[in-house]
Amino acid sequence: MRRLVVAFVVAGLAFSLVGCGGGGDAPAAETPAVVPDAFAPSGAPAEPVPDYSAEETATFELFPMGEDVPKTVSDRLAEKQPMALLFVDSAQKDSDDLTAEVKAVVEENKGLIDLLVYDVGKYSGVDKDGRITIDEQQLNEDPKAQESVVLARALGVNFSPYVIIVDDQGYIIYRHSGYVDSGLLERQVQRVTE
């Protein structure tokens, strides 16, 4: 279809150029030849391809401490062990894919960084106004789910999936909401492990 449209445009331009030529007693002035794009030199700059990947913004904020931080996290902070925190909702379709991708990146750096995965969607839902709600009664009966939600709130995690990377000094150096590219994640992991 695109070729057909281009053919009509080229034919229309050719006919309009033929119709514009001559007709007068004065000799036609010579016009410089226009080189079509197909014959442009190979060194000509190409139009840039838009980048739709996640932004790689640096974050430097101290990891919040207190009673909201689970023992597994506070122990790693005390040991100065870099870690990646992944908050997912197991009910979302792409959670397993992202978890596997993050695990693969961490596995490549085994022993240098730890991965902690938290399911924050276990007892959550969406009300009629589109707000996220949590069934507090069921949440209080499940300590692991409660730990996940309390930590997510303390870190300002409002959506899932959400990735947070913490360096060995206890600083959050990267946080991202949504799907994260494995190449970008690999670069962030290398920042904390080198």
N, C-alpha and C. Protein backbone atom coordinates (compact mmCIF):
# COMPACT_ATOMS: atom_id res chain seq x y z
N MET A 1 0.83 -1.18 0.00
CA MET A 1 0.00 0.00 0.00
C MET A 1 0.87 1.25 0.00
N ARG A 2 1.92 1.22 0.81
CA ARG A 2 2.81 2.37 0.90
C ARG A 2 3.50 2.63 -0.45
N ARG A 3 3.89 1.56 -1.12
CA ARG A 3 4.55 1.71 -2.43
C ARG A 3 3.60 2.33 -3.45
N LEU A 4 2.33 1.94 -3.39
CA LEU A 4 1.34 2.47 -4.31
C LEU A 4 1.17 3.97 -4.10
N VAL A 5 1.11 4.39 -2.86
CA VAL A 5 0.97 5.82 -2.55
C VAL A 5 2.20 6.58 -3.03
N VAL A 6 3.38 6.03 -2.80
CA VAL A 6 4.61 6.68 -3.24
C VAL A 6 4.63 6.79 -4.77
N ALA A 7 4.17 5.74 -5.46
CA ALA A 7 4.15 5.76 -6.92
C ALA A 7 3.22 6.87 -7.43
N PHE A 8 2.06 7.05 -6.81
CA PHE A 8 1.15 8.11 -7.22
C PHE A 8 1.74 9.49 -6.95
N VAL A 9 2.40 9.65 -5.83
CA VAL A 9 3.02 10.94 -5.51
C VAL A 9 4.10 11.27 -6.52
N VAL A 10 4.95 10.30 -6.85
CA VAL A 10 6.03 10.53 -7.82
C VAL A 10 5.45 10.84 -9.19
N ALA A 11 4.41 10.10 -9.60
CA ALA A 11 3.79 10.35 -10.90
C ALA A 11 3.16 11.74 -10.93
N GLY A 12 2.51 12.13 -9.86
CA GLY A 12 1.90 13.47 -9.80
C GLY A 12 2.94 14.56 -9.89
N LEU A 13 4.07 14.39 -9.21
CA LEU A 13 5.14 15.38 -9.28
C LEU A 13 5.73 15.45 -10.69
N ALA A 14 5.89 14.30 -11.33
CA ALA A 14 6.44 14.28 -12.68
C ALA A 14 5.52 15.01 -13.66
N PHE A 15 4.22 14.77 -13.58
CA PHE A 15 3.28 15.44 -14.47
C PHE A 15 3.23 16.94 -14.20
N SER A 16 3.33 17.34 -12.94
CA SER A 16 3.29 18.77 -12.65
C SER A 16 4.54 19.46 -13.15
N LEU A 17 5.68 18.79 -13.11
CA LEU A 17 6.91 19.39 -13.64
C LEU A 17 6.84 19.54 -15.16
N VAL A 18 6.26 18.57 -15.84
CA VAL A 18 6.13 18.65 -17.30
C VAL A 18 5.20 19.79 -17.66
N GLY A 19 4.14 19.98 -16.91
CA GLY A 19 3.18 21.04 -17.18
C GLY A 19 3.74 22.42 -16.90
N CYS A 20 4.73 22.55 -16.05
CA CYS A 20 5.29 23.85 -15.69
C CYS A 20 6.38 24.30 -16.67
N GLY A 21 6.94 23.44 -17.43
CA GLY A 21 8.08 23.79 -18.28
C GLY A 21 7.68 24.52 -19.55
N GLY A 22 8.56 25.40 -20.06
CA GLY A 22 8.42 26.07 -21.36
C GLY A 22 7.25 27.02 -21.41
N GLY A 23 6.80 27.30 -22.65
CA GLY A 23 5.66 28.17 -22.85
C GLY A 23 6.04 29.61 -23.09
N GLY A 24 7.24 30.02 -22.89
CA GLY A 24 7.63 31.41 -23.06
C GLY A 24 8.69 31.53 -24.13
N ASP A 25 8.97 32.82 -24.58
CA ASP A 25 9.98 33.05 -25.59
C ASP A 25 11.38 33.07 -25.00
N ALA A 26 11.49 33.35 -23.69
CA ALA A 26 12.81 33.42 -23.07
C ALA A 26 13.32 32.01 -22.82
N PRO A 27 14.66 31.86 -22.98
CA PRO A 27 15.22 30.52 -22.72
C PRO A 27 15.07 30.19 -21.23
N ALA A 28 14.82 28.96 -20.97
CA ALA A 28 14.65 28.51 -19.59
C ALA A 28 15.97 28.56 -18.85
N ALA A 29 15.94 29.06 -17.62
CA ALA A 29 17.15 29.12 -16.80
C ALA A 29 17.48 27.71 -16.32
N GLU A 30 18.77 27.44 -16.28
CA GLU A 30 19.17 26.11 -15.83
C GLU A 30 19.00 26.03 -14.32
N THR A 31 18.39 24.96 -13.89
CA THR A 31 18.20 24.74 -12.46
C THR A 31 19.12 23.61 -12.03
N PRO A 32 19.65 23.71 -10.82
CA PRO A 32 20.54 22.64 -10.36
C PRO A 32 19.76 21.35 -10.18
N ALA A 33 20.43 20.26 -10.45
CA ALA A 33 19.80 18.95 -10.32
C ALA A 33 19.63 18.61 -8.84
N VAL A 34 18.49 18.04 -8.52
CA VAL A 34 18.22 17.62 -7.15
C VAL A 34 18.48 16.12 -7.08
N VAL A 35 19.30 15.74 -6.11
CA VAL A 35 19.63 14.33 -5.95
C VAL A 35 18.56 13.68 -5.06
N PRO A 36 17.87 12.67 -5.59
CA PRO A 36 16.87 11.99 -4.77
C PRO A 36 17.54 11.30 -3.57
N ASP A 37 16.73 11.05 -2.53
CA ASP A 37 17.25 10.40 -1.32
C ASP A 37 17.88 9.04 -1.61
N ALA A 38 17.37 8.35 -2.62
CA ALA A 38 17.91 7.03 -2.93
C ALA A 38 19.35 7.12 -3.40
N PHE A 39 19.75 8.28 -3.95
CA PHE A 39 21.11 8.44 -4.46
C PHE A 39 21.98 9.27 -3.52
N ALA A 40 21.50 9.53 -2.32
CA ALA A 40 22.28 10.31 -1.36
C ALA A 40 23.51 9.51 -0.95
N PRO A 41 24.58 10.20 -0.61
CA PRO A 41 25.79 9.49 -0.20
C PRO A 41 25.51 8.62 1.03
N SER A 42 26.23 7.51 1.13
CA SER A 42 25.99 6.58 2.23
C SER A 42 26.37 7.18 3.57
N GLY A 43 27.19 8.21 3.59
CA GLY A 43 27.59 8.84 4.84
C GLY A 43 26.58 9.85 5.35
N ALA A 44 25.48 10.02 4.63
CA ALA A 44 24.46 10.98 5.05
C ALA A 44 23.83 10.51 6.36
N PRO A 45 23.58 11.43 7.28
CA PRO A 45 23.00 11.01 8.56
C PRO A 45 21.59 10.47 8.38
N ALA A 46 21.32 9.37 9.03
CA ALA A 46 19.99 8.78 8.98
C ALA A 46 19.13 9.42 10.06
N GLU A 47 17.85 9.36 9.84
CA GLU A 47 16.94 9.90 10.85
C GLU A 47 17.04 9.04 12.10
N PRO A 48 17.18 9.67 13.27
CA PRO A 48 17.38 8.87 14.49
C PRO A 48 16.16 8.03 14.83
N VAL A 49 16.42 6.86 15.37
CA VAL A 49 15.36 5.98 15.81
C VAL A 49 14.96 6.40 17.22
N PRO A 50 13.68 6.61 17.45
CA PRO A 50 13.27 7.04 18.80
C PRO A 50 13.57 5.97 19.83
N ASP A 51 13.96 6.39 21.03
CA ASP A 51 14.30 5.47 22.11
C ASP A 51 13.13 5.42 23.08
N TYR A 52 12.49 4.27 23.14
CA TYR A 52 11.35 4.10 24.04
C TYR A 52 11.72 3.30 25.28
N SER A 53 13.00 3.07 25.51
CA SER A 53 13.40 2.30 26.68
C SER A 53 13.26 3.14 27.94
N ALA A 54 13.31 2.46 29.06
CA ALA A 54 13.16 3.15 30.34
C ALA A 54 14.32 4.10 30.57
N GLU A 55 14.02 5.21 31.19
CA GLU A 55 15.07 6.18 31.47
C GLU A 55 15.99 5.63 32.55
N GLU A 56 17.25 5.96 32.42
CA GLU A 56 18.24 5.49 33.37
C GLU A 56 18.61 6.67 34.26
N THR A 57 17.79 6.90 35.25
CA THR A 57 18.02 8.04 36.13
C THR A 57 18.65 7.55 37.42
N ALA A 58 19.65 8.27 37.87
CA ALA A 58 20.34 7.91 39.10
C ALA A 58 19.55 8.44 40.29
N THR A 59 19.45 7.63 41.30
CA THR A 59 18.77 8.00 42.54
C THR A 59 19.76 7.76 43.67
N PHE A 60 19.89 8.70 44.56
CA PHE A 60 20.75 8.52 45.73
C PHE A 60 19.98 8.95 46.96
N GLU A 61 19.36 7.99 47.60
CA GLU A 61 18.63 8.28 48.83
C GLU A 61 18.90 7.16 49.82
N LEU A 62 19.03 7.52 51.06
CA LEU A 62 19.31 6.56 52.11
C LEU A 62 18.11 5.64 52.30
N PHE A 63 18.38 4.35 52.41
CA PHE A 63 17.31 3.38 52.62
C PHE A 63 16.65 3.65 53.96
N PRO A 64 15.33 3.75 54.02
CA PRO A 64 14.66 4.06 55.29
C PRO A 64 14.81 2.90 56.28
N MET A 65 15.14 3.22 57.50
CA MET A 65 15.26 2.20 58.54
C MET A 65 14.12 2.39 59.54
N GLY A 66 13.89 1.37 60.32
CA GLY A 66 12.84 1.45 61.32
C GLY A 66 12.10 0.14 61.41
N GLU A 67 10.97 0.17 62.09
CA GLU A 67 10.21 -1.07 62.30
C GLU A 67 9.51 -1.56 61.03
N ASP A 68 9.41 -0.70 60.02
CA ASP A 68 8.78 -1.11 58.76
C ASP A 68 9.70 -1.99 57.91
N VAL A 69 10.98 -2.01 58.23
CA VAL A 69 11.95 -2.76 57.43
C VAL A 69 12.06 -4.18 57.99
N PRO A 70 11.79 -5.19 57.15
CA PRO A 70 11.89 -6.58 57.61
C PRO A 70 13.32 -6.95 58.00
N LYS A 71 13.44 -7.96 58.85
CA LYS A 71 14.75 -8.40 59.34
C LYS A 71 15.64 -8.86 58.19
N THR A 72 15.08 -9.50 57.17
CA THR A 72 15.90 -9.97 56.05
C THR A 72 16.58 -8.80 55.34
N VAL A 73 15.88 -7.68 55.25
CA VAL A 73 16.44 -6.50 54.59
C VAL A 73 17.43 -5.80 55.52
N SER A 74 17.06 -5.61 56.79
CA SER A 74 17.95 -4.91 57.72
C SER A 74 19.24 -5.68 57.95
N ASP A 75 19.18 -7.02 57.93
CA ASP A 75 20.40 -7.83 58.06
C ASP A 75 21.34 -7.60 56.89
N ARG A 76 20.80 -7.54 55.69
CA ARG A 76 21.64 -7.30 54.50
C ARG A 76 22.24 -5.90 54.53
N LEU A 77 21.46 -4.94 55.00
CA LEU A 77 21.99 -3.57 55.13
C LEU A 77 23.13 -3.54 56.14
N ALA A 78 22.98 -4.25 57.26
CA ALA A 78 24.02 -4.29 58.29
C ALA A 78 25.28 -4.99 57.78
N GLU A 79 25.10 -6.01 56.92
CA GLU A 79 26.24 -6.75 56.35
C GLU A 79 26.86 -6.03 55.16
N LYS A 80 26.28 -4.88 54.78
CA LYS A 80 26.73 -4.10 53.62
C LYS A 80 26.67 -4.94 52.33
N GLN A 81 25.58 -5.67 52.19
CA GLN A 81 25.36 -6.52 51.03
C GLN A 81 24.43 -5.81 50.05
N PRO A 82 24.88 -5.52 48.81
CA PRO A 82 23.98 -4.93 47.82
C PRO A 82 22.78 -5.85 47.56
N MET A 83 21.65 -5.25 47.27
CA MET A 83 20.46 -6.06 47.02
C MET A 83 19.53 -5.40 46.01
N ALA A 84 18.78 -6.25 45.36
CA ALA A 84 17.72 -5.81 44.45
C ALA A 84 16.40 -6.23 45.07
N LEU A 85 15.50 -5.29 45.22
CA LEU A 85 14.17 -5.57 45.75
C LEU A 85 13.19 -5.52 44.58
N LEU A 86 12.43 -6.58 44.41
CA LEU A 86 11.46 -6.64 43.32
C LEU A 86 10.07 -6.81 43.92
N PHE A 87 9.20 -5.83 43.67
CA PHE A 87 7.82 -5.88 44.15
C PHE A 87 6.94 -6.24 42.96
N VAL A 88 6.24 -7.37 43.06
CA VAL A 88 5.39 -7.83 41.96
C VAL A 88 3.99 -8.13 42.49
N ASP A 89 3.08 -8.27 41.56
CA ASP A 89 1.73 -8.73 41.86
C ASP A 89 1.58 -10.04 41.11
N SER A 90 1.51 -11.14 41.84
CA SER A 90 1.49 -12.46 41.20
C SER A 90 0.27 -12.66 40.32
N ALA A 91 -0.75 -11.83 40.47
CA ALA A 91 -1.94 -11.94 39.63
C ALA A 91 -1.73 -11.31 38.25
N GLN A 92 -0.70 -10.48 38.09
CA GLN A 92 -0.44 -9.86 36.79
C GLN A 92 0.23 -10.88 35.87
N LYS A 93 -0.11 -10.82 34.59
CA LYS A 93 0.37 -11.80 33.63
C LYS A 93 1.88 -11.77 33.44
N ASP A 94 2.48 -10.57 33.43
CA ASP A 94 3.90 -10.47 33.11
C ASP A 94 4.81 -10.56 34.33
N SER A 95 4.26 -10.79 35.52
CA SER A 95 5.08 -10.85 36.73
C SER A 95 6.10 -11.98 36.68
N ASP A 96 5.69 -13.15 36.20
CA ASP A 96 6.61 -14.28 36.14
C ASP A 96 7.75 -14.02 35.16
N ASP A 97 7.44 -13.39 34.02
CA ASP A 97 8.47 -13.09 33.03
C ASP A 97 9.49 -12.12 33.58
N LEU A 98 9.02 -11.05 34.22
CA LEU A 98 9.93 -10.05 34.77
C LEU A 98 10.74 -10.65 35.92
N THR A 99 10.11 -11.43 36.77
CA THR A 99 10.83 -12.06 37.88
C THR A 99 11.93 -12.96 37.35
N ALA A 100 11.65 -13.74 36.31
CA ALA A 100 12.67 -14.61 35.73
C ALA A 100 13.81 -13.80 35.13
N GLU A 101 13.49 -12.68 34.49
CA GLU A 101 14.52 -11.84 33.89
C GLU A 101 15.41 -11.21 34.95
N VAL A 102 14.81 -10.71 36.03
CA VAL A 102 15.59 -10.11 37.11
C VAL A 102 16.44 -11.18 37.80
N LYS A 103 15.86 -12.36 38.01
CA LYS A 103 16.62 -13.46 38.62
C LYS A 103 17.82 -13.84 37.77
N ALA A 104 17.66 -13.83 36.45
CA ALA A 104 18.77 -14.17 35.55
C ALA A 104 19.91 -13.16 35.67
N VAL A 105 19.58 -11.88 35.76
CA VAL A 105 20.61 -10.84 35.90
C VAL A 105 21.33 -10.99 37.24
N VAL A 106 20.57 -11.25 38.31
CA VAL A 106 21.18 -11.41 39.63
C VAL A 106 22.01 -12.69 39.67
N GLU A 107 21.55 -13.74 39.02
CA GLU A 107 22.28 -15.01 38.98
C GLU A 107 23.65 -14.85 38.32
N GLU A 108 23.73 -13.98 37.30
CA GLU A 108 25.02 -13.72 36.65
C GLU A 108 26.00 -13.07 37.62
N ASN A 109 25.49 -12.42 38.65
CA ASN A 109 26.32 -11.74 39.65
C ASN A 109 26.15 -12.40 41.02
N LYS A 110 25.99 -13.71 41.02
CA LYS A 110 25.73 -14.46 42.24
C LYS A 110 26.81 -14.21 43.29
N GLY A 111 26.37 -13.96 44.49
CA GLY A 111 27.30 -13.70 45.59
C GLY A 111 27.64 -12.22 45.73
N LEU A 112 27.41 -11.44 44.68
CA LEU A 112 27.72 -10.01 44.73
C LEU A 112 26.49 -9.18 45.08
N ILE A 113 25.32 -9.70 44.75
CA ILE A 113 24.07 -8.98 45.02
C ILE A 113 22.99 -10.00 45.33
N ASP A 114 22.11 -9.66 46.25
CA ASP A 114 21.00 -10.53 46.63
C ASP A 114 19.71 -10.01 46.02
N LEU A 115 18.79 -10.93 45.76
CA LEU A 115 17.47 -10.56 45.23
C LEU A 115 16.42 -10.93 46.26
N LEU A 116 15.57 -9.98 46.59
CA LEU A 116 14.43 -10.22 47.48
C LEU A 116 13.17 -9.87 46.70
N VAL A 117 12.28 -10.85 46.55
CA VAL A 117 11.04 -10.67 45.78
C VAL A 117 9.87 -10.61 46.76
N TYR A 118 9.03 -9.59 46.59
CA TYR A 118 7.86 -9.41 47.45
C TYR A 118 6.60 -9.36 46.59
N ASP A 119 5.61 -10.17 46.96
CA ASP A 119 4.32 -10.16 46.27
C ASP A 119 3.41 -9.19 47.02
N VAL A 120 3.19 -8.02 46.43
CA VAL A 120 2.39 -6.99 47.08
C VAL A 120 0.93 -7.03 46.64
N GLY A 121 0.58 -7.93 45.76
CA GLY A 121 -0.78 -7.96 45.25
C GLY A 121 -1.62 -9.09 45.78
N LYS A 122 -1.11 -9.81 46.77
CA LYS A 122 -1.81 -11.00 47.24
C LYS A 122 -3.22 -10.71 47.73
N TYR A 123 -3.40 -9.67 48.52
CA TYR A 123 -4.71 -9.34 49.07
C TYR A 123 -5.18 -7.97 48.60
N SER A 124 -4.75 -7.58 47.43
CA SER A 124 -5.14 -6.26 46.93
C SER A 124 -6.16 -6.40 45.82
N GLY A 125 -6.85 -5.31 45.58
CA GLY A 125 -7.83 -5.25 44.51
C GLY A 125 -8.00 -3.81 44.08
N VAL A 126 -8.95 -3.57 43.20
CA VAL A 126 -9.22 -2.22 42.71
C VAL A 126 -10.69 -1.93 42.96
N ASP A 127 -10.97 -0.77 43.58
CA ASP A 127 -12.36 -0.42 43.86
C ASP A 127 -13.01 0.21 42.63
N LYS A 128 -14.29 0.61 42.75
CA LYS A 128 -15.04 1.14 41.61
C LYS A 128 -14.47 2.46 41.10
N ASP A 129 -13.70 3.17 41.93
CA ASP A 129 -13.08 4.43 41.52
C ASP A 129 -11.68 4.24 40.94
N GLY A 130 -11.23 2.99 40.86
CA GLY A 130 -9.91 2.72 40.29
C GLY A 130 -8.77 2.79 41.28
N ARG A 131 -9.09 2.94 42.57
CA ARG A 131 -8.05 3.00 43.60
C ARG A 131 -7.71 1.60 44.08
N ILE A 132 -6.43 1.40 44.43
CA ILE A 132 -6.00 0.11 44.94
C ILE A 132 -6.46 -0.03 46.39
N THR A 133 -7.07 -1.16 46.68
CA THR A 133 -7.53 -1.43 48.04
C THR A 133 -6.85 -2.70 48.55
N ILE A 134 -6.76 -2.81 49.86
CA ILE A 134 -6.14 -3.98 50.48
C ILE A 134 -7.11 -4.53 51.52
N ASP A 135 -7.31 -5.84 51.47
CA ASP A 135 -8.15 -6.50 52.46
C ASP A 135 -7.32 -6.63 53.74
N GLU A 136 -7.50 -5.67 54.65
CA GLU A 136 -6.67 -5.59 55.87
C GLU A 136 -6.83 -6.82 56.76
N GLN A 137 -8.03 -7.40 56.82
CA GLN A 137 -8.25 -8.55 57.69
C GLN A 137 -7.42 -9.74 57.22
N GLN A 138 -7.48 -10.05 55.93
CA GLN A 138 -6.68 -11.16 55.41
C GLN A 138 -5.19 -10.84 55.49
N LEU A 139 -4.85 -9.59 55.26
CA LEU A 139 -3.45 -9.18 55.30
C LEU A 139 -2.87 -9.39 56.69
N ASN A 140 -3.64 -9.05 57.73
CA ASN A 140 -3.15 -9.20 59.10
C ASN A 140 -2.97 -10.66 59.50
N GLU A 141 -3.65 -11.58 58.81
CA GLU A 141 -3.52 -13.00 59.11
C GLU A 141 -2.33 -13.64 58.40
N ASP A 142 -1.71 -12.94 57.48
CA ASP A 142 -0.58 -13.47 56.71
C ASP A 142 0.64 -12.57 56.94
N PRO A 143 1.56 -12.96 57.84
CA PRO A 143 2.70 -12.09 58.17
C PRO A 143 3.60 -11.77 56.98
N LYS A 144 3.79 -12.72 56.08
CA LYS A 144 4.67 -12.49 54.92
C LYS A 144 4.06 -11.43 53.99
N ALA A 145 2.76 -11.53 53.75
CA ALA A 145 2.10 -10.53 52.89
C ALA A 145 2.09 -9.17 53.57
N GLN A 146 1.89 -9.16 54.88
CA GLN A 146 1.89 -7.90 55.62
C GLN A 146 3.27 -7.25 55.56
N GLU A 147 4.31 -8.06 55.69
CA GLU A 147 5.69 -7.56 55.59
C GLU A 147 5.93 -6.91 54.23
N SER A 148 5.43 -7.54 53.17
CA SER A 148 5.60 -7.01 51.81
C SER A 148 4.93 -5.66 51.64
N VAL A 149 3.69 -5.56 52.11
CA VAL A 149 2.92 -4.33 51.94
C VAL A 149 3.50 -3.20 52.79
N VAL A 150 3.91 -3.51 54.02
CA VAL A 150 4.48 -2.48 54.90
C VAL A 150 5.78 -1.94 54.31
N LEU A 151 6.64 -2.83 53.81
CA LEU A 151 7.90 -2.39 53.20
C LEU A 151 7.63 -1.57 51.95
N ALA A 152 6.68 -2.01 51.13
CA ALA A 152 6.34 -1.26 49.92
C ALA A 152 5.86 0.15 50.26
N ARG A 153 5.05 0.27 51.28
CA ARG A 153 4.57 1.59 51.70
C ARG A 153 5.73 2.46 52.19
N ALA A 154 6.64 1.87 52.97
CA ALA A 154 7.78 2.63 53.50
C ALA A 154 8.68 3.14 52.39
N LEU A 155 8.77 2.39 51.29
CA LEU A 155 9.64 2.77 50.17
C LEU A 155 8.91 3.60 49.12
N GLY A 156 7.62 3.83 49.29
CA GLY A 156 6.87 4.63 48.32
C GLY A 156 6.53 3.87 47.05
N VAL A 157 6.41 2.56 47.16
CA VAL A 157 6.04 1.73 46.00
C VAL A 157 4.53 1.77 45.87
N ASN A 158 4.05 2.35 44.76
CA ASN A 158 2.61 2.48 44.54
C ASN A 158 2.09 1.56 43.45
N PHE A 159 2.97 1.10 42.58
CA PHE A 159 2.57 0.26 41.45
C PHE A 159 3.49 -0.95 41.38
N SER A 160 3.04 -1.97 40.71
CA SER A 160 3.91 -3.12 40.49
C SER A 160 3.90 -3.44 39.00
N PRO A 161 4.94 -3.97 38.47
CA PRO A 161 6.19 -4.33 39.14
C PRO A 161 7.03 -3.09 39.46
N TYR A 162 7.89 -3.23 40.45
CA TYR A 162 8.73 -2.12 40.90
C TYR A 162 10.07 -2.70 41.33
N VAL A 163 11.15 -2.11 40.83
CA VAL A 163 12.49 -2.58 41.15
C VAL A 163 13.24 -1.49 41.91
N ILE A 164 13.90 -1.88 42.99
CA ILE A 164 14.75 -0.97 43.76
C ILE A 164 16.10 -1.66 43.94
N ILE A 165 17.18 -0.94 43.64
CA ILE A 165 18.52 -1.49 43.84
C ILE A 165 19.22 -0.67 44.91
N VAL A 166 19.78 -1.38 45.90
CA VAL A 166 20.44 -0.75 47.05
C VAL A 166 21.91 -1.13 47.03
N ASP A 167 22.80 -0.14 47.21
CA ASP A 167 24.24 -0.42 47.21
C ASP A 167 24.72 -0.89 48.58
N ASP A 168 26.02 -1.14 48.69
CA ASP A 168 26.58 -1.67 49.93
C ASP A 168 26.65 -0.64 51.06
N GLN A 169 26.41 0.62 50.75
CA GLN A 169 26.41 1.67 51.77
C GLN A 169 25.00 1.97 52.30
N GLY A 170 24.01 1.24 51.78
CA GLY A 170 22.64 1.44 52.24
C GLY A 170 21.89 2.53 51.50
N TYR A 171 22.37 2.90 50.30
CA TYR A 171 21.70 3.92 49.50
C TYR A 171 20.93 3.27 48.35
N ILE A 172 19.74 3.77 48.12
CA ILE A 172 18.96 3.36 46.96
C ILE A 172 19.57 4.10 45.77
N ILE A 173 20.12 3.35 44.81
CA ILE A 173 20.76 3.99 43.67
C ILE A 173 19.89 3.92 42.41
N TYR A 174 18.86 3.08 42.45
CA TYR A 174 18.00 2.96 41.27
C TYR A 174 16.63 2.48 41.72
N ARG A 175 15.61 3.08 41.14
CA ARG A 175 14.24 2.62 41.35
C ARG A 175 13.47 2.81 40.05
N HIS A 176 12.62 1.84 39.73
CA HIS A 176 11.87 1.92 38.48
C HIS A 176 10.53 1.21 38.65
N SER A 177 9.48 1.87 38.20
CA SER A 177 8.15 1.29 38.21
C SER A 177 7.81 0.81 36.81
N GLY A 178 7.38 -0.43 36.69
CA GLY A 178 7.03 -0.99 35.40
C GLY A 178 8.08 -1.97 34.92
N TYR A 179 7.89 -2.42 33.71
CA TYR A 179 8.83 -3.38 33.13
C TYR A 179 10.20 -2.72 32.96
N VAL A 180 11.25 -3.44 33.27
CA VAL A 180 12.60 -2.90 33.14
C VAL A 180 13.39 -3.80 32.19
N ASP A 181 14.12 -3.18 31.27
CA ASP A 181 14.93 -3.89 30.30
C ASP A 181 16.10 -4.57 31.00
N SER A 182 16.43 -5.80 30.59
CA SER A 182 17.50 -6.54 31.26
C SER A 182 18.85 -5.86 31.08
N GLY A 183 19.09 -5.20 29.95
CA GLY A 183 20.36 -4.50 29.74
C GLY A 183 20.51 -3.34 30.70
N LEU A 184 19.45 -2.59 30.91
CA LEU A 184 19.48 -1.48 31.86
C LEU A 184 19.66 -2.01 33.28
N LEU A 185 18.98 -3.08 33.60
CA LEU A 185 19.10 -3.67 34.93
C LEU A 185 20.52 -4.19 35.15
N GLU A 186 21.10 -4.78 34.14
CA GLU A 186 22.48 -5.29 34.23
C GLU A 186 23.45 -4.14 34.53
N ARG A 187 23.27 -3.01 33.88
CA ARG A 187 24.15 -1.85 34.14
C ARG A 187 24.01 -1.36 35.58
N GLN A 188 22.79 -1.34 36.08
CA GLN A 188 22.58 -0.89 37.46
C GLN A 188 23.18 -1.87 38.46
N VAL A 189 23.07 -3.16 38.18
CA VAL A 189 23.67 -4.17 39.06
C VAL A 189 25.19 -4.04 39.04
N GLN A 190 25.76 -3.79 37.87
CA GLN A 190 27.21 -3.61 37.78
C GLN A 190 27.66 -2.39 38.57
N ARG A 191 26.84 -1.34 38.62
CA ARG A 191 27.20 -0.15 39.40
C ARG A 191 27.39 -0.48 40.87
N VAL A 192 26.55 -1.35 41.41
CA VAL A 192 26.64 -1.65 42.85
C VAL A 192 27.61 -2.78 43.16
N THR A 193 28.01 -3.55 42.16
CA THR A 193 28.90 -4.68 42.43
C THR A 193 30.35 -4.41 42.08
N GLU A 194 30.65 -3.29 41.47
CA GLU A 194 32.05 -3.00 41.10
C GLU A 194 32.73 -2.16 42.14
